[in-house]
Structure formats: structure tokens, C-alpha cells
């Protein structure tokens, strides 16, 4: 149900491709001409997801810092993304080092 809702919100062109693993729910929702199945195509995003879960405590339910607030999760992901981008990280690194 969640994936169907998300998929319906996407405004994809007819030429778009969606790369997934072999979860049967995807076959039921994604049109065959758009759907490409294979770990070869999903390994990078899976690695990124793994890093997010590893480094962000609030994304793990068994910790004290878990947040159910959509706003806090959104802010946390935005900060994490920004700090993982080279330009964002160096900006904050330079700011921090400038006080010494």
C-alpha cells in the first residue's frame, strides 16, 4: 500500500526506468516496460541506505533517539545528505576550523 501510494505520486515519463530487486510487490505496481530487476542496478542505493541506517541513530527503533516525527526525520536526512556531499562537508569544516 505504501509503495503504491508513492509510485502514484511520481510523475514519470513513459521512457522512465525503475530499477528494483526481485520483491513481488514491485511487479504488481510497476508497468513491465518500466521495470528492470537486478542487484546489479540496486547495489549502490542499498549501500547508501545501509550507511544512513548505520550513522543515524534516530532511524533505528531500538535507540533512545528514535523520532516518529516526519519533520525531524526529514531534517535529519537533509543534514546527513548535505554533510556527505563534499562541498557541504568542507563548508562546515572550514567554518569550524576558522574559530581556532
PDB file of N, CA and C in Angstrom:
ATOM      1  N   UNK A   1       0.829  -1.192   0.000  1.00  0.00           N
ATOM      2  CA  UNK A   1       0.000   0.000   0.000  1.00  0.00           C
ATOM      3  C   UNK A   1       0.877   1.261   0.000  1.00  0.00           C
ATOM      4  N   UNK A   2       1.930   1.260   0.819  1.00  0.00           N
ATOM      5  CA  UNK A   2       2.821   2.423   0.883  1.00  0.00           C
ATOM      6  C   UNK A   2       3.527   2.647  -0.445  1.00  0.00           C
ATOM      7  N   UNK A   3       4.053   1.565  -1.022  1.00  0.00           N
ATOM      8  CA  UNK A   3       4.756   1.715  -2.295  1.00  0.00           C
ATOM      9  C   UNK A   3       3.799   2.164  -3.393  1.00  0.00           C
ATOM     10  N   UNK A   4       2.599   1.635  -3.401  1.00  0.00           N
ATOM     11  CA  UNK A   4       1.617   2.025  -4.415  1.00  0.00           C
ATOM     12  C   UNK A   4       1.316   3.521  -4.316  1.00  0.00           C
ATOM     13  N   UNK A   5       1.135   4.018  -3.100  1.00  0.00           N
ATOM     14  CA  UNK A   5       0.874   5.439  -2.887  1.00  0.00           C
ATOM     15  C   UNK A   5       2.043   6.281  -3.386  1.00  0.00           C
ATOM     16  N   UNK A   6       3.260   5.871  -3.054  1.00  0.00           N
ATOM     17  CA  UNK A   6       4.453   6.593  -3.502  1.00  0.00           C
ATOM     18  C   UNK A   6       4.566   6.567  -5.020  1.00  0.00           C
ATOM     19  N   UNK A   7       4.382   5.403  -5.614  1.00  0.00           N
ATOM     20  CA  UNK A   7       4.500   5.265  -7.062  1.00  0.00           C
ATOM     21  C   UNK A   7       3.494   6.154  -7.790  1.00  0.00           C
ATOM     22  N   UNK A   8       2.289   6.223  -7.263  1.00  0.00           N
ATOM     23  CA  UNK A   8       1.250   7.044  -7.890  1.00  0.00           C
ATOM     24  C   UNK A   8       1.571   8.537  -7.817  1.00  0.00           C
ATOM     25  N   UNK A   9       2.370   8.950  -6.830  1.00  0.00           N
ATOM     26  CA  UNK A   9       2.752  10.362  -6.697  1.00  0.00           C
ATOM     27  C   UNK A   9       3.865  10.757  -7.662  1.00  0.00           C
ATOM     28  N   UNK A  10       4.600   9.783  -8.161  1.00  0.00           N
ATOM     29  CA  UNK A  10       5.691  10.082  -9.084  1.00  0.00           C
ATOM     30  C   UNK A  10       5.128  10.495 -10.433  1.00  0.00           C
ATOM     31  N   UNK A  11       5.732  11.481 -11.009  1.00  0.00           N
ATOM     32  CA  UNK A  11       5.298  11.944 -12.326  1.00  0.00           C
ATOM     33  C   UNK A  11       6.358  11.498 -13.331  1.00  0.00           C
ATOM     34  N   UNK A  12       6.305  10.236 -13.720  1.00  0.00           N
ATOM     35  CA  UNK A  12       7.346   9.652 -14.560  1.00  0.00           C
ATOM     36  C   UNK A  12       6.987   9.724 -16.037  1.00  0.00           C
ATOM     37  N   UNK A  13       8.007   9.932 -16.851  1.00  0.00           N
ATOM     38  CA  UNK A  13       7.776   9.888 -18.297  1.00  0.00           C
ATOM     39  C   UNK A  13       7.601   8.430 -18.716  1.00  0.00           C
ATOM     40  N   UNK A  14       7.075   8.223 -19.897  1.00  0.00           N
ATOM     41  CA  UNK A  14       6.858   6.856 -20.384  1.00  0.00           C
ATOM     42  C   UNK A  14       8.166   6.122 -20.635  1.00  0.00           C
ATOM     43  N   UNK A  15       9.251   6.874 -20.809  1.00  0.00           N
ATOM     44  CA  UNK A  15      10.560   6.273 -21.057  1.00  0.00           C
ATOM     45  C   UNK A  15      11.337   5.986 -19.774  1.00  0.00           C
ATOM     46  N   UNK A  16      10.780   6.339 -18.631  1.00  0.00           N
ATOM     47  CA  UNK A  16      11.484   6.157 -17.356  1.00  0.00           C
ATOM     48  C   UNK A  16      11.716   4.676 -17.072  1.00  0.00           C
ATOM     49  N   UNK A  17      12.801   4.396 -16.375  1.00  0.00           N
ATOM     50  CA  UNK A  17      13.115   3.042 -15.924  1.00  0.00           C
ATOM     51  C   UNK A  17      13.193   3.052 -14.409  1.00  0.00           C
ATOM     52  N   UNK A  18      12.677   2.021 -13.800  1.00  0.00           N
ATOM     53  CA  UNK A  18      12.745   1.869 -12.353  1.00  0.00           C
ATOM     54  C   UNK A  18      13.487   0.572 -12.069  1.00  0.00           C
ATOM     55  N   UNK A  19      14.585   0.690 -11.338  1.00  0.00           N
ATOM     56  CA  UNK A  19      15.438  -0.450 -11.022  1.00  0.00           C
ATOM     57  C   UNK A  19      15.131  -0.926  -9.608  1.00  0.00           C
ATOM     58  N   UNK A  20      14.812  -2.225  -9.487  1.00  0.00           N
ATOM     59  CA  UNK A  20      14.463  -2.775  -8.174  1.00  0.00           C
ATOM     60  C   UNK A  20      15.089  -4.149  -7.992  1.00  0.00           C
ATOM     61  N   UNK A  21      14.966  -4.639  -6.755  1.00  0.00           N
ATOM     62  CA  UNK A  21      15.309  -6.031  -6.523  1.00  0.00           C
ATOM     63  C   UNK A  21      14.080  -6.868  -6.911  1.00  0.00           C
ATOM     64  N   UNK A  22      14.074  -8.118  -6.568  1.00  0.00           N
ATOM     65  CA  UNK A  22      13.021  -9.033  -7.037  1.00  0.00           C
ATOM     66  C   UNK A  22      11.872  -9.177  -6.034  1.00  0.00           C
ATOM     67  N   UNK A  23      11.443  -8.094  -5.439  1.00  0.00           N
ATOM     68  CA  UNK A  23      10.327  -8.141  -4.499  1.00  0.00           C
ATOM     69  C   UNK A  23       9.039  -8.162  -5.304  1.00  0.00           C
ATOM     70  N   UNK A  24       8.159  -9.109  -5.028  1.00  0.00           N
ATOM     71  CA  UNK A  24       6.967  -9.322  -5.859  1.00  0.00           C
ATOM     72  C   UNK A  24       6.002  -8.131  -5.891  1.00  0.00           C
ATOM     73  N   UNK A  25       6.008  -7.295  -4.875  1.00  0.00           N
ATOM     74  CA  UNK A  25       5.120  -6.126  -4.849  1.00  0.00           C
ATOM     75  C   UNK A  25       5.411  -5.197  -6.029  1.00  0.00           C
ATOM     76  N   UNK A  26       6.692  -5.050  -6.371  1.00  0.00           N
ATOM     77  CA  UNK A  26       7.058  -4.159  -7.471  1.00  0.00           C
ATOM     78  C   UNK A  26       6.436  -4.612  -8.791  1.00  0.00           C
ATOM     79  N   UNK A  27       6.427  -5.917  -9.033  1.00  0.00           N
ATOM     80  CA  UNK A  27       5.844  -6.454 -10.269  1.00  0.00           C
ATOM     81  C   UNK A  27       4.360  -6.125 -10.400  1.00  0.00           C
ATOM     82  N   UNK A  28       3.679  -6.058  -9.278  1.00  0.00           N
ATOM     83  CA  UNK A  28       2.241  -5.803  -9.298  1.00  0.00           C
ATOM     84  C   UNK A  28       1.910  -4.336  -9.586  1.00  0.00           C
ATOM     85  N   UNK A  29       2.855  -3.431  -9.313  1.00  0.00           N
ATOM     86  CA  UNK A  29       2.567  -1.999  -9.408  1.00  0.00           C
ATOM     87  C   UNK A  29       3.281  -1.314 -10.571  1.00  0.00           C
ATOM     88  N   UNK A  30       4.541  -1.668 -10.792  1.00  0.00           N
ATOM     89  CA  UNK A  30       5.330  -1.012 -11.840  1.00  0.00           C
ATOM     90  C   UNK A  30       5.035  -1.661 -13.192  1.00  0.00           C
ATOM     91  N   UNK A  31       4.704  -0.874 -14.207  1.00  0.00           N
ATOM     92  CA  UNK A  31       4.474  -1.436 -15.545  1.00  0.00           C
ATOM     93  C   UNK A  31       5.732  -2.158 -16.053  1.00  0.00           C
ATOM     94  N   UNK A  32       5.538  -3.285 -16.727  1.00  0.00           N
ATOM     95  CA  UNK A  32       6.658  -4.118 -17.183  1.00  0.00           C
ATOM     96  C   UNK A  32       7.672  -3.364 -18.033  1.00  0.00           C
ATOM     97  N   UNK A  33       7.203  -2.449 -18.879  1.00  0.00           N
ATOM     98  CA  UNK A  33       8.130  -1.722 -19.755  1.00  0.00           C
ATOM     99  C   UNK A  33       9.029  -0.745 -18.984  1.00  0.00           C
ATOM    100  N   UNK A  34       8.662  -0.416 -17.752  1.00  0.00           N
ATOM    101  CA  UNK A  34       9.472   0.484 -16.912  1.00  0.00           C
ATOM    102  C   UNK A  34      10.370  -0.274 -15.944  1.00  0.00           C
ATOM    103  N   UNK A  35      10.035  -1.508 -15.664  1.00  0.00           N
ATOM    104  CA  UNK A  35      10.637  -2.243 -14.555  1.00  0.00           C
ATOM    105  C   UNK A  35      11.873  -3.036 -14.979  1.00  0.00           C
ATOM    106  N   UNK A  36      12.991  -2.783 -14.298  1.00  0.00           N
ATOM    107  CA  UNK A  36      14.229  -3.529 -14.517  1.00  0.00           C
ATOM    108  C   UNK A  36      14.624  -4.132 -13.175  1.00  0.00           C
ATOM    109  N   UNK A  37      14.750  -5.469 -13.133  1.00  0.00           N
ATOM    110  CA  UNK A  37      15.055  -6.175 -11.890  1.00  0.00           C
ATOM    111  C   UNK A  37      16.511  -6.616 -11.888  1.00  0.00           C
ATOM    112  N   UNK A  38      17.179  -6.428 -10.751  1.00  0.00           N
ATOM    113  CA  UNK A  38      18.537  -6.948 -10.627  1.00  0.00           C
ATOM    114  C   UNK A  38      19.355  -6.245  -9.566  1.00  0.00           C
ATOM    115  N   UNK A  39      20.125  -7.005  -8.812  1.00  0.00           N
ATOM    116  CA  UNK A  39      21.007  -6.448  -7.782  1.00  0.00           C
ATOM    117  C   UNK A  39      22.067  -5.544  -8.396  1.00  0.00           C
ATOM    118  N   UNK A  40      22.445  -5.857  -9.617  1.00  0.00           N
ATOM    119  CA  UNK A  40      23.456  -5.066 -10.327  1.00  0.00           C
ATOM    120  C   UNK A  40      23.074  -3.580 -10.349  1.00  0.00           C
ATOM    121  N   UNK A  41      21.785  -3.318 -10.427  1.00  0.00           N
ATOM    122  CA  UNK A  41      21.308  -1.941 -10.548  1.00  0.00           C
ATOM    123  C   UNK A  41      20.946  -1.300  -9.208  1.00  0.00           C
ATOM    124  N   UNK A  42      20.834  -2.103  -8.159  1.00  0.00           N
ATOM    125  CA  UNK A  42      20.386  -1.558  -6.876  1.00  0.00           C
ATOM    126  C   UNK A  42      21.468  -1.544  -5.803  1.00  0.00           C
ATOM    127  N   UNK A  43      22.635  -2.078  -6.088  1.00  0.00           N
ATOM    128  CA  UNK A  43      23.667  -2.208  -5.059  1.00  0.00           C
ATOM    129  C   UNK A  43      24.111  -0.853  -4.512  1.00  0.00           C
ATOM    130  N   UNK A  44      24.227   0.168  -5.342  1.00  0.00           N
ATOM    131  CA  UNK A  44      24.666   1.485  -4.857  1.00  0.00           C
ATOM    132  C   UNK A  44      23.663   2.119  -3.905  1.00  0.00           C
ATOM    133  N   UNK A  45      22.394   2.070  -4.251  1.00  0.00           N
ATOM    134  CA  UNK A  45      21.392   2.672  -3.377  1.00  0.00           C
ATOM    135  C   UNK A  45      21.259   1.872  -2.086  1.00  0.00           C
ATOM    136  N   UNK A  46      21.401   0.554  -2.156  1.00  0.00           N
ATOM    137  CA  UNK A  46      21.350  -0.269  -0.947  1.00  0.00           C
ATOM    138  C   UNK A  46      22.506   0.075  -0.015  1.00  0.00           C
ATOM    139  N   UNK A  47      23.682   0.324  -0.577  1.00  0.00           N
ATOM    140  CA  UNK A  47      24.837   0.724   0.234  1.00  0.00           C
ATOM    141  C   UNK A  47      24.569   2.064   0.909  1.00  0.00           C
ATOM    142  N   UNK A  48      24.003   2.989   0.167  1.00  0.00           N
ATOM    143  CA  UNK A  48      23.675   4.298   0.730  1.00  0.00           C
ATOM    144  C   UNK A  48      22.639   4.169   1.845  1.00  0.00           C
ATOM    145  N   UNK A  49      21.605   3.377   1.621  1.00  0.00           N
ATOM    146  CA  UNK A  49      20.589   3.157   2.652  1.00  0.00           C
ATOM    147  C   UNK A  49      21.205   2.547   3.903  1.00  0.00           C
ATOM    148  N   UNK A  50      22.107   1.599   3.708  1.00  0.00           N
ATOM    149  CA  UNK A  50      22.779   0.955   4.833  1.00  0.00           C
ATOM    150  C   UNK A  50      23.576   1.976   5.642  1.00  0.00           C
ATOM    151  N   UNK A  51      24.278   2.863   4.960  1.00  0.00           N
ATOM    152  CA  UNK A  51      25.051   3.897   5.657  1.00  0.00           C
ATOM    153  C   UNK A  51      24.146   4.835   6.448  1.00  0.00           C
ATOM    154  N   UNK A  52      23.028   5.203   5.861  1.00  0.00           N
ATOM    155  CA  UNK A  52      22.090   6.082   6.563  1.00  0.00           C
ATOM    156  C   UNK A  52      21.608   5.416   7.845  1.00  0.00           C
ATOM    157  N   UNK A  53      21.194   4.162   7.758  1.00  0.00           N
ATOM    158  CA  UNK A  53      20.710   3.442   8.938  1.00  0.00           C
ATOM    159  C   UNK A  53      21.815   3.286   9.977  1.00  0.00           C
ATOM    160  N   UNK A  54      23.037   3.078   9.516  1.00  0.00           N
ATOM    161  CA  UNK A  54      24.153   2.871  10.437  1.00  0.00           C
ATOM    162  C   UNK A  54      24.499   4.148  11.197  1.00  0.00           C
ATOM    163  N   UNK A  55      24.571   5.265  10.501  1.00  0.00           N
ATOM    164  CA  UNK A  55      25.047   6.501  11.110  1.00  0.00           C
ATOM    165  C   UNK A  55      23.978   7.351  11.781  1.00  0.00           C
ATOM    166  N   UNK A  56      22.734   7.144  11.440  1.00  0.00           N
ATOM    167  CA  UNK A  56      21.680   7.976  12.019  1.00  0.00           C
ATOM    168  C   UNK A  56      20.878   7.190  13.043  1.00  0.00           C
ATOM    169  N   UNK A  57      21.168   7.422  14.309  1.00  0.00           N
ATOM    170  CA  UNK A  57      20.504   6.694  15.386  1.00  0.00           C
ATOM    171  C   UNK A  57      18.999   6.838  15.376  1.00  0.00           C
ATOM    172  N   UNK A  58      18.507   7.987  14.965  1.00  0.00           N
ATOM    173  CA  UNK A  58      17.067   8.207  15.019  1.00  0.00           C
ATOM    174  C   UNK A  58      16.310   7.354  13.998  1.00  0.00           C
ATOM    175  N   UNK A  59      17.028   6.677  13.116  1.00  0.00           N
ATOM    176  CA  UNK A  59      16.377   5.812  12.143  1.00  0.00           C
ATOM    177  C   UNK A  59      16.265   4.377  12.664  1.00  0.00           C
ATOM    178  N   UNK A  60      16.776   4.142  13.862  1.00  0.00           N
ATOM    179  CA  UNK A  60      16.758   2.803  14.442  1.00  0.00           C
ATOM    180  C   UNK A  60      15.792   2.794  15.615  1.00  0.00           C
ATOM    181  N   UNK A  61      14.839   1.924  15.611  1.00  0.00           N
ATOM    182  CA  UNK A  61      13.788   1.935  16.624  1.00  0.00           C
ATOM    183  C   UNK A  61      14.258   1.567  18.026  1.00  0.00           C
ATOM    184  N   UNK A  62      15.339   0.821  18.145  1.00  0.00           N
ATOM    185  CA  UNK A  62      15.742   0.342  19.463  1.00  0.00           C
ATOM    186  C   UNK A  62      16.680   1.305  20.190  1.00  0.00           C
ATOM    187  N   UNK A  63      16.738   2.545  19.766  1.00  0.00           N
ATOM    188  CA  UNK A  63      17.582   3.520  20.448  1.00  0.00           C
ATOM    189  C   UNK A  63      16.710   4.601  21.072  1.00  0.00           C
ATOM    190  N   UNK A  64      17.297   5.369  21.962  1.00  0.00           N
ATOM    191  CA  UNK A  64      16.556   6.443  22.628  1.00  0.00           C
ATOM    192  C   UNK A  64      16.337   7.654  21.731  1.00  0.00           C
ATOM    193  N   UNK A  65      17.078   7.738  20.657  1.00  0.00           N
ATOM    194  CA  UNK A  65      16.975   8.925  19.807  1.00  0.00           C
ATOM    195  C   UNK A  65      16.006   8.751  18.640  1.00  0.00           C
ATOM    196  N   UNK A  66      15.235   7.682  18.648  1.00  0.00           N
ATOM    197  CA  UNK A  66      14.293   7.451  17.558  1.00  0.00           C
ATOM    198  C   UNK A  66      13.267   8.586  17.500  1.00  0.00           C
ATOM    199  N   UNK A  67      12.903   8.960  16.309  1.00  0.00           N
ATOM    200  CA  UNK A  67      11.920  10.022  16.132  1.00  0.00           C
ATOM    201  C   UNK A  67      10.820   9.533  15.202  1.00  0.00           C
ATOM    202  N   UNK A  68       9.581   9.731  15.616  1.00  0.00           N
ATOM    203  CA  UNK A  68       8.461   9.372  14.756  1.00  0.00           C
ATOM    204  C   UNK A  68       7.952  10.587  13.985  1.00  0.00           C
ATOM    205  N   UNK A  69       8.536  11.730  14.264  1.00  0.00           N
ATOM    206  CA  UNK A  69       8.123  12.959  13.603  1.00  0.00           C
ATOM    207  C   UNK A  69       8.675  12.994  12.180  1.00  0.00           C
ATOM    208  N   UNK A  70       7.783  13.124  11.204  1.00  0.00           N
ATOM    209  CA  UNK A  70       8.223  13.203   9.802  1.00  0.00           C
ATOM    210  C   UNK A  70       9.159  14.384   9.591  1.00  0.00           C
ATOM    211  N   UNK A  71       8.862  15.483  10.253  1.00  0.00           N
ATOM    212  CA  UNK A  71       9.689  16.682  10.104  1.00  0.00           C
ATOM    213  C   UNK A  71      11.116  16.427  10.603  1.00  0.00           C
ATOM    214  N   UNK A  72      11.256  15.785  11.765  1.00  0.00           N
ATOM    215  CA  UNK A  72      12.591  15.526  12.313  1.00  0.00           C
ATOM    216  C   UNK A  72      13.356  14.524  11.449  1.00  0.00           C
ATOM    217  N   UNK A  73      12.671  13.520  10.935  1.00  0.00           N
ATOM    218  CA  UNK A  73      13.327  12.552  10.056  1.00  0.00           C
ATOM    219  C   UNK A  73      13.784  13.247   8.779  1.00  0.00           C
ATOM    220  N   UNK A  74      12.938  14.095   8.227  1.00  0.00           N
ATOM    221  CA  UNK A  74      13.294  14.846   7.023  1.00  0.00           C
ATOM    222  C   UNK A  74      14.513  15.733   7.271  1.00  0.00           C
ATOM    223  N   UNK A  75      14.511  16.465   8.376  1.00  0.00           N
ATOM    224  CA  UNK A  75      15.637  17.345   8.703  1.00  0.00           C
ATOM    225  C   UNK A  75      16.916  16.535   8.881  1.00  0.00           C
ATOM    226  N   UNK A  76      16.820  15.415   9.586  1.00  0.00           N
ATOM    227  CA  UNK A  76      17.989  14.570   9.819  1.00  0.00           C
ATOM    228  C   UNK A  76      18.565  14.056   8.509  1.00  0.00           C
ATOM    229  N   UNK A  77      17.709  13.590   7.611  1.00  0.00           N
ATOM    230  CA  UNK A  77      18.188  13.089   6.322  1.00  0.00           C
ATOM    231  C   UNK A  77      18.815  14.207   5.493  1.00  0.00           C
ATOM    232  N   UNK A  78      18.235  15.395   5.538  1.00  0.00           N
ATOM    233  CA  UNK A  78      18.798  16.524   4.789  1.00  0.00           C
ATOM    234  C   UNK A  78      20.182  16.911   5.316  1.00  0.00           C
ATOM    235  N   UNK A  79      20.329  16.949   6.635  1.00  0.00           N
ATOM    236  CA  UNK A  79      21.633  17.276   7.223  1.00  0.00           C
ATOM    237  C   UNK A  79      22.651  16.207   6.858  1.00  0.00           C
ATOM    238  N   UNK A  80      22.261  14.953   6.990  1.00  0.00           N
ATOM    239  CA  UNK A  80      23.170  13.852   6.654  1.00  0.00           C
ATOM    240  C   UNK A  80      23.604  13.927   5.199  1.00  0.00           C
ATOM    241  N   UNK A  81      22.646  14.146   4.309  1.00  0.00           N
ATOM    242  CA  UNK A  81      22.970  14.233   2.878  1.00  0.00           C
ATOM    243  C   UNK A  81      23.927  15.385   2.626  1.00  0.00           C
ATOM    244  N   UNK A  82      23.632  16.531   3.225  1.00  0.00           N
ATOM    245  CA  UNK A  82      24.452  17.718   2.993  1.00  0.00           C
ATOM    246  C   UNK A  82      25.879  17.504   3.488  1.00  0.00           C
ATOM    247  N   UNK A  83      26.017  16.903   4.659  1.00  0.00           N
ATOM    248  CA  UNK A  83      27.356  16.684   5.214  1.00  0.00           C
ATOM    249  C   UNK A  83      28.127  15.611   4.458  1.00  0.00           C
ATOM    250  N   UNK A  84      27.427  14.734   3.772  1.00  0.00           N
ATOM    251  CA  UNK A  84      28.106  13.704   2.985  1.00  0.00           C
ATOM    252  C   UNK A  84      28.497  14.190   1.600  1.00  0.00           C
ATOM    253  N   UNK A  85      27.968  15.320   1.195  1.00  0.00           N
ATOM    254  CA  UNK A  85      28.394  15.934  -0.058  1.00  0.00           C
ATOM    255  C   UNK A  85      29.699  16.669   0.209  1.00  0.00           C
ATOM    256  N   UNK A  86      30.651  16.544  -0.679  1.00  0.00           N
ATOM    257  CA  UNK A  86      31.984  17.122  -0.463  1.00  0.00           C
ATOM    258  C   UNK A  86      31.929  18.622  -0.187  1.00  0.00           C
ATOM    259  N   UNK A  87      31.151  19.362  -0.950  1.00  0.00           N
ATOM    260  CA  UNK A  87      31.087  20.815  -0.763  1.00  0.00           C
ATOM    261  C   UNK A  87      30.463  21.189   0.577  1.00  0.00           C
ATOM    262  N   UNK A  88      29.425  20.476   0.950  1.00  0.00           N
ATOM    263  CA  UNK A  88      28.769  20.759   2.225  1.00  0.00           C
ATOM    264  C   UNK A  88      29.683  20.488   3.399  1.00  0.00           C
ATOM    265  N   UNK A  89      30.373  19.361   3.343  1.00  0.00           N
ATOM    266  CA  UNK A  89      31.280  18.996   4.430  1.00  0.00           C
ATOM    267  C   UNK A  89      32.413  20.006   4.548  1.00  0.00           C
ATOM    268  N   UNK A  90      33.030  20.355   3.441  1.00  0.00           N
ATOM    269  CA  UNK A  90      34.169  21.279   3.508  1.00  0.00           C
ATOM    270  C   UNK A  90      33.728  22.665   3.982  1.00  0.00           C
ATOM    271  N   UNK A  91      32.513  23.071   3.648  1.00  0.00           N
ATOM    272  CA  UNK A  91      31.995  24.357   4.123  1.00  0.00           C
ATOM    273  C   UNK A  91      31.966  24.380   5.649  1.00  0.00           C
ATOM    274  N   UNK A  92      31.365  23.335   6.252  1.00  0.00           N
ATOM    275  CA  UNK A  92      31.271  23.290   7.707  1.00  0.00           C
ATOM    276  C   UNK A  92      32.628  23.039   8.359  1.00  0.00           C
ATOM    277  N   UNK A  93      33.473  22.275   7.703  1.00  0.00           N
ATOM    278  CA  UNK A  93      34.813  22.033   8.227  1.00  0.00           C
ATOM    279  C   UNK A  93      35.587  23.353   8.291  1.00  0.00           C
ATOM    280  N   UNK A  94      35.520  24.143   7.240  1.00  0.00           N
ATOM    281  CA  UNK A  94      36.211  25.438   7.217  1.00  0.00           C
ATOM    282  C   UNK A  94      35.658  26.389   8.276  1.00  0.00           C
ATOM    283  N   UNK A  95      34.345  26.386   8.461  1.00  0.00           N
ATOM    284  CA  UNK A  95      33.732  27.224   9.497  1.00  0.00           C
ATOM    285  C   UNK A  95      34.244  26.821  10.876  1.00  0.00           C
ATOM    286  N   UNK A  96      34.263  25.514  11.126  1.00  0.00           N
ATOM    287  CA  UNK A  96      34.703  25.019  12.430  1.00  0.00           C
ATOM    288  C   UNK A  96      36.174  25.335  12.669  1.00  0.00           C
ATOM    289  N   UNK A  97      37.001  25.151  11.662  1.00  0.00           N
ATOM    290  CA  UNK A  97      38.433  25.396  11.814  1.00  0.00           C
ATOM    291  C   UNK A  97      38.757  26.884  11.912  1.00  0.00           C
ATOM    292  N   UNK A  98      37.891  27.732  11.411  1.00  0.00           N
ATOM    293  CA  UNK A  98      38.164  29.168  11.425  1.00  0.00           C
ATOM    294  C   UNK A  98      38.114  29.763  12.833  1.00  0.00           C
ATOM    295  N   UNK A  99      37.531  29.056  13.782  1.00  0.00           N
ATOM    296  CA  UNK A  99      37.462  29.594  15.145  1.00  0.00           C
ATOM    297  C   UNK A  99      38.759  29.384  15.916  1.00  0.00           C
ATOM    298  N   UNK A 100      39.692  28.608  15.363  1.00  0.00           N
ATOM    299  CA  UNK A 100      40.962  28.350  16.065  1.00  0.00           C
ATOM    300  C   UNK A 100      42.048  29.266  15.619  1.00  0.00           C
TER     301      UNK A 100
END
